[in-house]
Amino acid sequence: MGTISSSTFVSLDGVVNHMDKWHFDYVDDESGALALEQLQAADAMLMGRKTYEVYAGAWPERDDKYADAINAIPKYVASTTLGEPAWHNTSVLGGDLIEAVRALRAEEGGSILMHGYGPVAKALLRADLLDELHLWVHPHLAGIGDADDLLLHQGLTKKLELTATRTLGSGVIVLTFRNPGA
């Protein structure tokens, strides 16, 4: 597969977790259509174990266009602790994350979509394996969280190129950045 993109929601003060406190007021038909568009443009999804556990517990039970798409797409989980995944069409990438993702990228195919910006996305960006970052910046100061909950990560320095902006009716601004090193 060729390119890897991360699409993540972030509060105005840089929080990427605790979405129950700041994100859901901004979910509407427009944001849902954009999320579906991103998902349908991908050939596969990549996620860490924590994201996998949340998604595997939620999406198989839902019945709508987005649920159908996310349940059908091939999914890869980066984990050294997850055994046999229960969610349909899921494979585990064990061992060294960077080597596993390099091998995945080298396969025939197109694009891989990630949701969230946790340890996997940060490691891939550091290794220049993350090609694109879509930040859905919410006009909301979350005022919560610790270092693991923030978009910023000490020691990760990377110059990115802004390639697109899109302002949604809710006030969310989607910023798209390209990693020139990838």
C-alpha atoms as a PDB file:
ATOM      1  CA  MET A   1       0.000   0.000   0.000  1.00  0.00           C
ATOM      2  CA  GLY A   2       1.229   3.448  -0.780  1.00  0.00           C
ATOM      3  CA  THR A   3       0.293   6.353   1.482  1.00  0.00           C
ATOM      4  CA  ILE A   4      -0.721   6.677   5.114  1.00  0.00           C
ATOM      5  CA  SER A   5      -2.989   9.475   6.352  1.00  0.00           C
ATOM      6  CA  SER A   6      -4.095  10.247   9.881  1.00  0.00           C
ATOM      7  CA  SER A   7      -7.422  11.963  10.443  1.00  0.00           C
ATOM      8  CA  THR A   8      -7.887  13.203  13.975  1.00  0.00           C
ATOM      9  CA  PHE A   9     -10.138  15.438  15.983  1.00  0.00           C
ATOM     10  CA  VAL A  10      -8.395  18.016  18.172  1.00  0.00           C
ATOM     11  CA  SER A  11      -9.688  20.687  20.520  1.00  0.00           C
ATOM     12  CA  LEU A  12      -8.436  24.251  20.206  1.00  0.00           C
ATOM     13  CA  ASP A  13      -6.051  23.642  23.116  1.00  0.00           C
ATOM     14  CA  GLY A  14      -4.558  20.511  21.504  1.00  0.00           C
ATOM     15  CA  VAL A  15      -6.475  17.725  23.269  1.00  0.00           C
ATOM     16  CA  VAL A  16      -7.014  14.608  21.136  1.00  0.00           C
ATOM     17  CA  ASN A  17      -8.630  12.413  23.815  1.00  0.00           C
ATOM     18  CA  HIS A  18     -11.645  12.842  26.125  1.00  0.00           C
ATOM     19  CA  MET A  19     -13.810  13.552  23.085  1.00  0.00           C
ATOM     20  CA  ASP A  20     -16.950  13.053  25.164  1.00  0.00           C
ATOM     21  CA  LYS A  21     -16.150  16.437  26.764  1.00  0.00           C
ATOM     22  CA  TRP A  22     -15.690  18.539  23.609  1.00  0.00           C
ATOM     23  CA  HIS A  23     -16.253  16.746  20.279  1.00  0.00           C
ATOM     24  CA  PHE A  24     -19.799  15.443  19.928  1.00  0.00           C
ATOM     25  CA  ASP A  25     -21.539  18.837  19.836  1.00  0.00           C
ATOM     26  CA  TYR A  26     -19.852  19.337  16.451  1.00  0.00           C
ATOM     27  CA  VAL A  27     -21.004  16.104  14.804  1.00  0.00           C
ATOM     28  CA  ASP A  28     -23.526  16.775  12.062  1.00  0.00           C
ATOM     29  CA  ASP A  29     -24.427  15.676   8.539  1.00  0.00           C
ATOM     30  CA  GLU A  30     -21.587  17.704   6.996  1.00  0.00           C
ATOM     31  CA  SER A  31     -18.877  16.247   9.231  1.00  0.00           C
ATOM     32  CA  GLY A  32     -20.348  12.771   8.787  1.00  0.00           C
ATOM     33  CA  ALA A  33     -20.243  13.121   5.007  1.00  0.00           C
ATOM     34  CA  LEU A  34     -16.600  14.241   5.105  1.00  0.00           C
ATOM     35  CA  ALA A  35     -15.632  11.380   7.424  1.00  0.00           C
ATOM     36  CA  LEU A  36     -17.366   8.906   5.098  1.00  0.00           C
ATOM     37  CA  GLU A  37     -15.614  10.467   2.090  1.00  0.00           C
ATOM     38  CA  GLN A  38     -12.214   9.980   3.770  1.00  0.00           C
ATOM     39  CA  LEU A  39     -13.041   6.392   4.701  1.00  0.00           C
ATOM     40  CA  GLN A  40     -14.302   5.485   1.232  1.00  0.00           C
ATOM     41  CA  ALA A  41     -11.156   6.954  -0.355  1.00  0.00           C
ATOM     42  CA  ALA A  42      -8.976   4.568   1.664  1.00  0.00           C
ATOM     43  CA  ASP A  43      -8.058   1.008   0.784  1.00  0.00           C
ATOM     44  CA  ALA A  44      -7.407  -0.015   4.402  1.00  0.00           C
ATOM     45  CA  MET A  45      -7.323   1.285   7.960  1.00  0.00           C
ATOM     46  CA  LEU A  46      -4.469   1.204  10.461  1.00  0.00           C
ATOM     47  CA  MET A  47      -4.957   1.667  14.187  1.00  0.00           C
ATOM     48  CA  GLY A  48      -3.364   1.054  17.528  1.00  0.00           C
ATOM     49  CA  ARG A  49      -4.754  -1.452  20.010  1.00  0.00           C
ATOM     50  CA  LYS A  50      -6.710   1.117  22.058  1.00  0.00           C
ATOM     51  CA  THR A  51      -8.472   2.539  19.011  1.00  0.00           C
ATOM     52  CA  TYR A  52      -9.130  -0.994  17.783  1.00  0.00           C
ATOM     53  CA  GLU A  53     -10.771  -1.971  21.075  1.00  0.00           C
ATOM     54  CA  VAL A  54     -13.067   1.076  21.031  1.00  0.00           C
ATOM     55  CA  TYR A  55     -13.985   0.601  17.375  1.00  0.00           C
ATOM     56  CA  ALA A  56     -14.425  -3.175  17.567  1.00  0.00           C
ATOM     57  CA  GLY A  57     -16.778  -2.656  20.496  1.00  0.00           C
ATOM     58  CA  ALA A  58     -18.893  -0.100  18.653  1.00  0.00           C
ATOM     59  CA  TRP A  59     -18.950  -0.381  14.853  1.00  0.00           C
ATOM     60  CA  PRO A  60     -19.991  -4.005  14.270  1.00  0.00           C
ATOM     61  CA  GLU A  61     -23.289  -3.312  16.072  1.00  0.00           C
ATOM     62  CA  ARG A  62     -24.205  -0.230  14.022  1.00  0.00           C
ATOM     63  CA  ASP A  63     -26.140  -0.183  10.782  1.00  0.00           C
ATOM     64  CA  ASP A  64     -25.640   2.828   8.507  1.00  0.00           C
ATOM     65  CA  LYS A  65     -23.447   3.819   5.528  1.00  0.00           C
ATOM     66  CA  TYR A  66     -20.432   4.675   7.658  1.00  0.00           C
ATOM     67  CA  ALA A  67     -20.711   1.510   9.746  1.00  0.00           C
ATOM     68  CA  ASP A  68     -21.035  -0.591   6.599  1.00  0.00           C
ATOM     69  CA  ALA A  69     -17.889   1.001   5.152  1.00  0.00           C
ATOM     70  CA  ILE A  70     -15.758   0.723   8.294  1.00  0.00           C
ATOM     71  CA  ASN A  71     -16.856  -2.856   8.927  1.00  0.00           C
ATOM     72  CA  ALA A  72     -16.017  -3.894   5.344  1.00  0.00           C
ATOM     73  CA  ILE A  73     -12.627  -2.203   4.903  1.00  0.00           C
ATOM     74  CA  PRO A  74      -9.469  -4.221   5.641  1.00  0.00           C
ATOM     75  CA  LYS A  75      -8.128  -3.221   9.052  1.00  0.00           C
ATOM     76  CA  TYR A  76      -4.614  -3.520  10.487  1.00  0.00           C
ATOM     77  CA  VAL A  77      -3.946  -3.244  14.216  1.00  0.00           C
ATOM     78  CA  ALA A  78      -0.451  -2.400  15.470  1.00  0.00           C
ATOM     79  CA  SER A  79      -0.145  -4.401  18.681  1.00  0.00           C
ATOM     80  CA  THR A  80       2.220  -6.740  20.453  1.00  0.00           C
ATOM     81  CA  THR A  81      -0.482  -7.834  22.919  1.00  0.00           C
ATOM     82  CA  LEU A  82      -3.617  -8.394  20.819  1.00  0.00           C
ATOM     83  CA  GLY A  83      -4.166 -12.043  19.967  1.00  0.00           C
ATOM     84  CA  GLU A  84      -6.805 -13.070  17.469  1.00  0.00           C
ATOM     85  CA  PRO A  85      -8.931 -10.032  16.504  1.00  0.00           C
ATOM     86  CA  ALA A  86     -12.673 -10.576  16.633  1.00  0.00           C
ATOM     87  CA  TRP A  87     -13.640  -7.749  14.270  1.00  0.00           C
ATOM     88  CA  HIS A  88     -14.231  -8.921  10.694  1.00  0.00           C
ATOM     89  CA  ASN A  89     -11.459  -8.266   8.164  1.00  0.00           C
ATOM     90  CA  THR A  90      -8.807  -7.376  10.773  1.00  0.00           C
ATOM     91  CA  SER A  91      -5.139  -8.399  10.835  1.00  0.00           C
ATOM     92  CA  VAL A  92      -2.628  -7.796  13.622  1.00  0.00           C
ATOM     93  CA  LEU A  93       0.736  -6.200  12.864  1.00  0.00           C
ATOM     94  CA  GLY A  94       2.921  -7.593  15.638  1.00  0.00           C
ATOM     95  CA  GLY A  95       6.583  -7.109  16.366  1.00  0.00           C
ATOM     96  CA  ASP A  96       8.433  -3.956  15.382  1.00  0.00           C
ATOM     97  CA  LEU A  97       5.886  -1.278  14.402  1.00  0.00           C
ATOM     98  CA  ILE A  98       8.107   0.576  11.940  1.00  0.00           C
ATOM     99  CA  GLU A  99       9.195  -2.567  10.072  1.00  0.00           C
ATOM    100  CA  ALA A 100       5.632  -3.890   9.960  1.00  0.00           C
ATOM    101  CA  VAL A 101       4.291  -0.635   8.546  1.00  0.00           C
ATOM    102  CA  ARG A 102       7.140  -0.356   6.031  1.00  0.00           C
ATOM    103  CA  ALA A 103       6.213  -3.833   4.791  1.00  0.00           C
ATOM    104  CA  LEU A 104       2.525  -2.880   4.646  1.00  0.00           C
ATOM    105  CA  ARG A 105       3.300   0.277   2.653  1.00  0.00           C
ATOM    106  CA  ALA A 106       5.416  -1.722   0.203  1.00  0.00           C
ATOM    107  CA  GLU A 107       2.487  -3.960  -0.722  1.00  0.00           C
ATOM    108  CA  GLU A 108       0.463  -3.239  -3.823  1.00  0.00           C
ATOM    109  CA  GLY A 109      -2.422  -0.885  -3.278  1.00  0.00           C
ATOM    110  CA  GLY A 110      -3.357   2.635  -2.417  1.00  0.00           C
ATOM    111  CA  SER A 111      -4.009   4.511   0.774  1.00  0.00           C
ATOM    112  CA  ILE A 112      -4.224   3.654   4.446  1.00  0.00           C
ATOM    113  CA  LEU A 113      -6.335   5.762   6.804  1.00  0.00           C
ATOM    114  CA  MET A 114      -5.704   6.122  10.511  1.00  0.00           C
ATOM    115  CA  HIS A 115      -8.067   7.678  13.034  1.00  0.00           C
ATOM    116  CA  GLY A 116      -6.608   9.487  15.999  1.00  0.00           C
ATOM    117  CA  TYR A 117      -3.162  10.698  16.865  1.00  0.00           C
ATOM    118  CA  GLY A 118      -1.766   8.403  19.515  1.00  0.00           C
ATOM    119  CA  PRO A 119       1.515   6.536  19.925  1.00  0.00           C
ATOM    120  CA  VAL A 120       1.251   4.745  16.560  1.00  0.00           C
ATOM    121  CA  ALA A 121       0.689   7.924  14.520  1.00  0.00           C
ATOM    122  CA  LYS A 122       3.426   9.780  16.414  1.00  0.00           C
ATOM    123  CA  ALA A 123       5.907   6.947  15.825  1.00  0.00           C
ATOM    124  CA  LEU A 124       5.024   6.813  12.124  1.00  0.00           C
ATOM    125  CA  LEU A 125       5.416  10.581  11.759  1.00  0.00           C
ATOM    126  CA  ARG A 126       8.799  10.424  13.489  1.00  0.00           C
ATOM    127  CA  ALA A 127       9.880   7.661  11.065  1.00  0.00           C
ATOM    128  CA  ASP A 128       8.515   9.564   8.027  1.00  0.00           C
ATOM    129  CA  LEU A 129       5.925   6.874   7.356  1.00  0.00           C
ATOM    130  CA  LEU A 130       2.940   9.181   7.905  1.00  0.00           C
ATOM    131  CA  ASP A 131       2.319  11.030   4.642  1.00  0.00           C
ATOM    132  CA  GLU A 132      -0.612  13.226   5.542  1.00  0.00           C
ATOM    133  CA  LEU A 133      -2.259  14.627   8.650  1.00  0.00           C
ATOM    134  CA  HIS A 134      -5.870  15.850   8.669  1.00  0.00           C
ATOM    135  CA  LEU A 135      -6.532  17.857  11.829  1.00  0.00           C
ATOM    136  CA  TRP A 136     -10.187  18.563  12.557  1.00  0.00           C
ATOM    137  CA  VAL A 137      -9.690  21.607  14.815  1.00  0.00           C
ATOM    138  CA  HIS A 138     -12.753  22.184  16.991  1.00  0.00           C
ATOM    139  CA  PRO A 139     -13.590  25.672  18.267  1.00  0.00           C
ATOM    140  CA  HIS A 140     -13.618  24.408  21.834  1.00  0.00           C
ATOM    141  CA  LEU A 141     -11.105  24.653  24.672  1.00  0.00           C
ATOM    142  CA  ALA A 142     -11.217  21.244  26.348  1.00  0.00           C
ATOM    143  CA  GLY A 143      -9.190  22.273  29.391  1.00  0.00           C
ATOM    144  CA  ILE A 144      -8.431  18.653  30.344  1.00  0.00           C
ATOM    145  CA  GLY A 145      -5.859  15.966  29.810  1.00  0.00           C
ATOM    146  CA  ASP A 146      -2.203  15.291  30.348  1.00  0.00           C
ATOM    147  CA  ALA A 147       0.793  14.945  27.997  1.00  0.00           C
ATOM    148  CA  ASP A 148      -0.539  11.693  26.448  1.00  0.00           C
ATOM    149  CA  ASP A 149      -3.803  13.438  25.579  1.00  0.00           C
ATOM    150  CA  LEU A 150      -2.203  16.222  23.561  1.00  0.00           C
ATOM    151  CA  LEU A 151      -1.444  16.617  19.878  1.00  0.00           C
ATOM    152  CA  LEU A 152       1.961  18.000  20.830  1.00  0.00           C
ATOM    153  CA  HIS A 153       4.671  15.522  21.707  1.00  0.00           C
ATOM    154  CA  GLN A 154       7.935  16.610  23.256  1.00  0.00           C
ATOM    155  CA  GLY A 155      10.909  15.700  21.087  1.00  0.00           C
ATOM    156  CA  LEU A 156       8.877  15.281  17.882  1.00  0.00           C
ATOM    157  CA  THR A 157       9.975  18.035  15.527  1.00  0.00           C
ATOM    158  CA  LYS A 158       8.663  17.934  11.984  1.00  0.00           C
ATOM    159  CA  LYS A 159       8.009  20.646   9.400  1.00  0.00           C
ATOM    160  CA  LEU A 160       4.772  19.954   7.558  1.00  0.00           C
ATOM    161  CA  GLU A 161       3.273  21.631   4.493  1.00  0.00           C
ATOM    162  CA  LEU A 162      -0.304  22.914   4.611  1.00  0.00           C
ATOM    163  CA  THR A 163      -2.063  21.615   1.492  1.00  0.00           C
ATOM    164  CA  ALA A 164      -5.748  22.302   2.200  1.00  0.00           C
ATOM    165  CA  THR A 165      -8.210  23.899   4.580  1.00  0.00           C
ATOM    166  CA  ARG A 166     -11.919  23.337   4.865  1.00  0.00           C
ATOM    167  CA  THR A 167     -14.242  25.165   7.225  1.00  0.00           C
ATOM    168  CA  LEU A 168     -17.361  23.273   8.238  1.00  0.00           C
ATOM    169  CA  GLY A 169     -20.620  24.964   9.163  1.00  0.00           C
ATOM    170  CA  SER A 170     -20.119  23.892  12.794  1.00  0.00           C
ATOM    171  CA  GLY A 171     -16.947  25.984  13.023  1.00  0.00           C
ATOM    172  CA  VAL A 172     -14.625  22.980  12.808  1.00  0.00           C
ATOM    173  CA  ILE A 173     -11.688  23.683  10.497  1.00  0.00           C
ATOM    174  CA  VAL A 174     -10.057  20.711   8.786  1.00  0.00           C
ATOM    175  CA  LEU A 175      -6.389  21.407   8.138  1.00  0.00           C
ATOM    176  CA  THR A 176      -4.553  19.026   5.817  1.00  0.00           C
ATOM    177  CA  PHE A 177      -0.781  18.815   6.086  1.00  0.00           C
ATOM    178  CA  ARG A 178       1.682  16.829   3.970  1.00  0.00           C
ATOM    179  CA  ASN A 179       4.877  15.399   5.428  1.00  0.00           C
ATOM    180  CA  PRO A 180       7.551  16.231   2.842  1.00  0.00           C
ATOM    181  CA  GLY A 181       9.886  13.671   4.416  1.00  0.00           C
ATOM    182  CA  ALA A 182       7.563  10.725   3.795  1.00  0.00           C
END
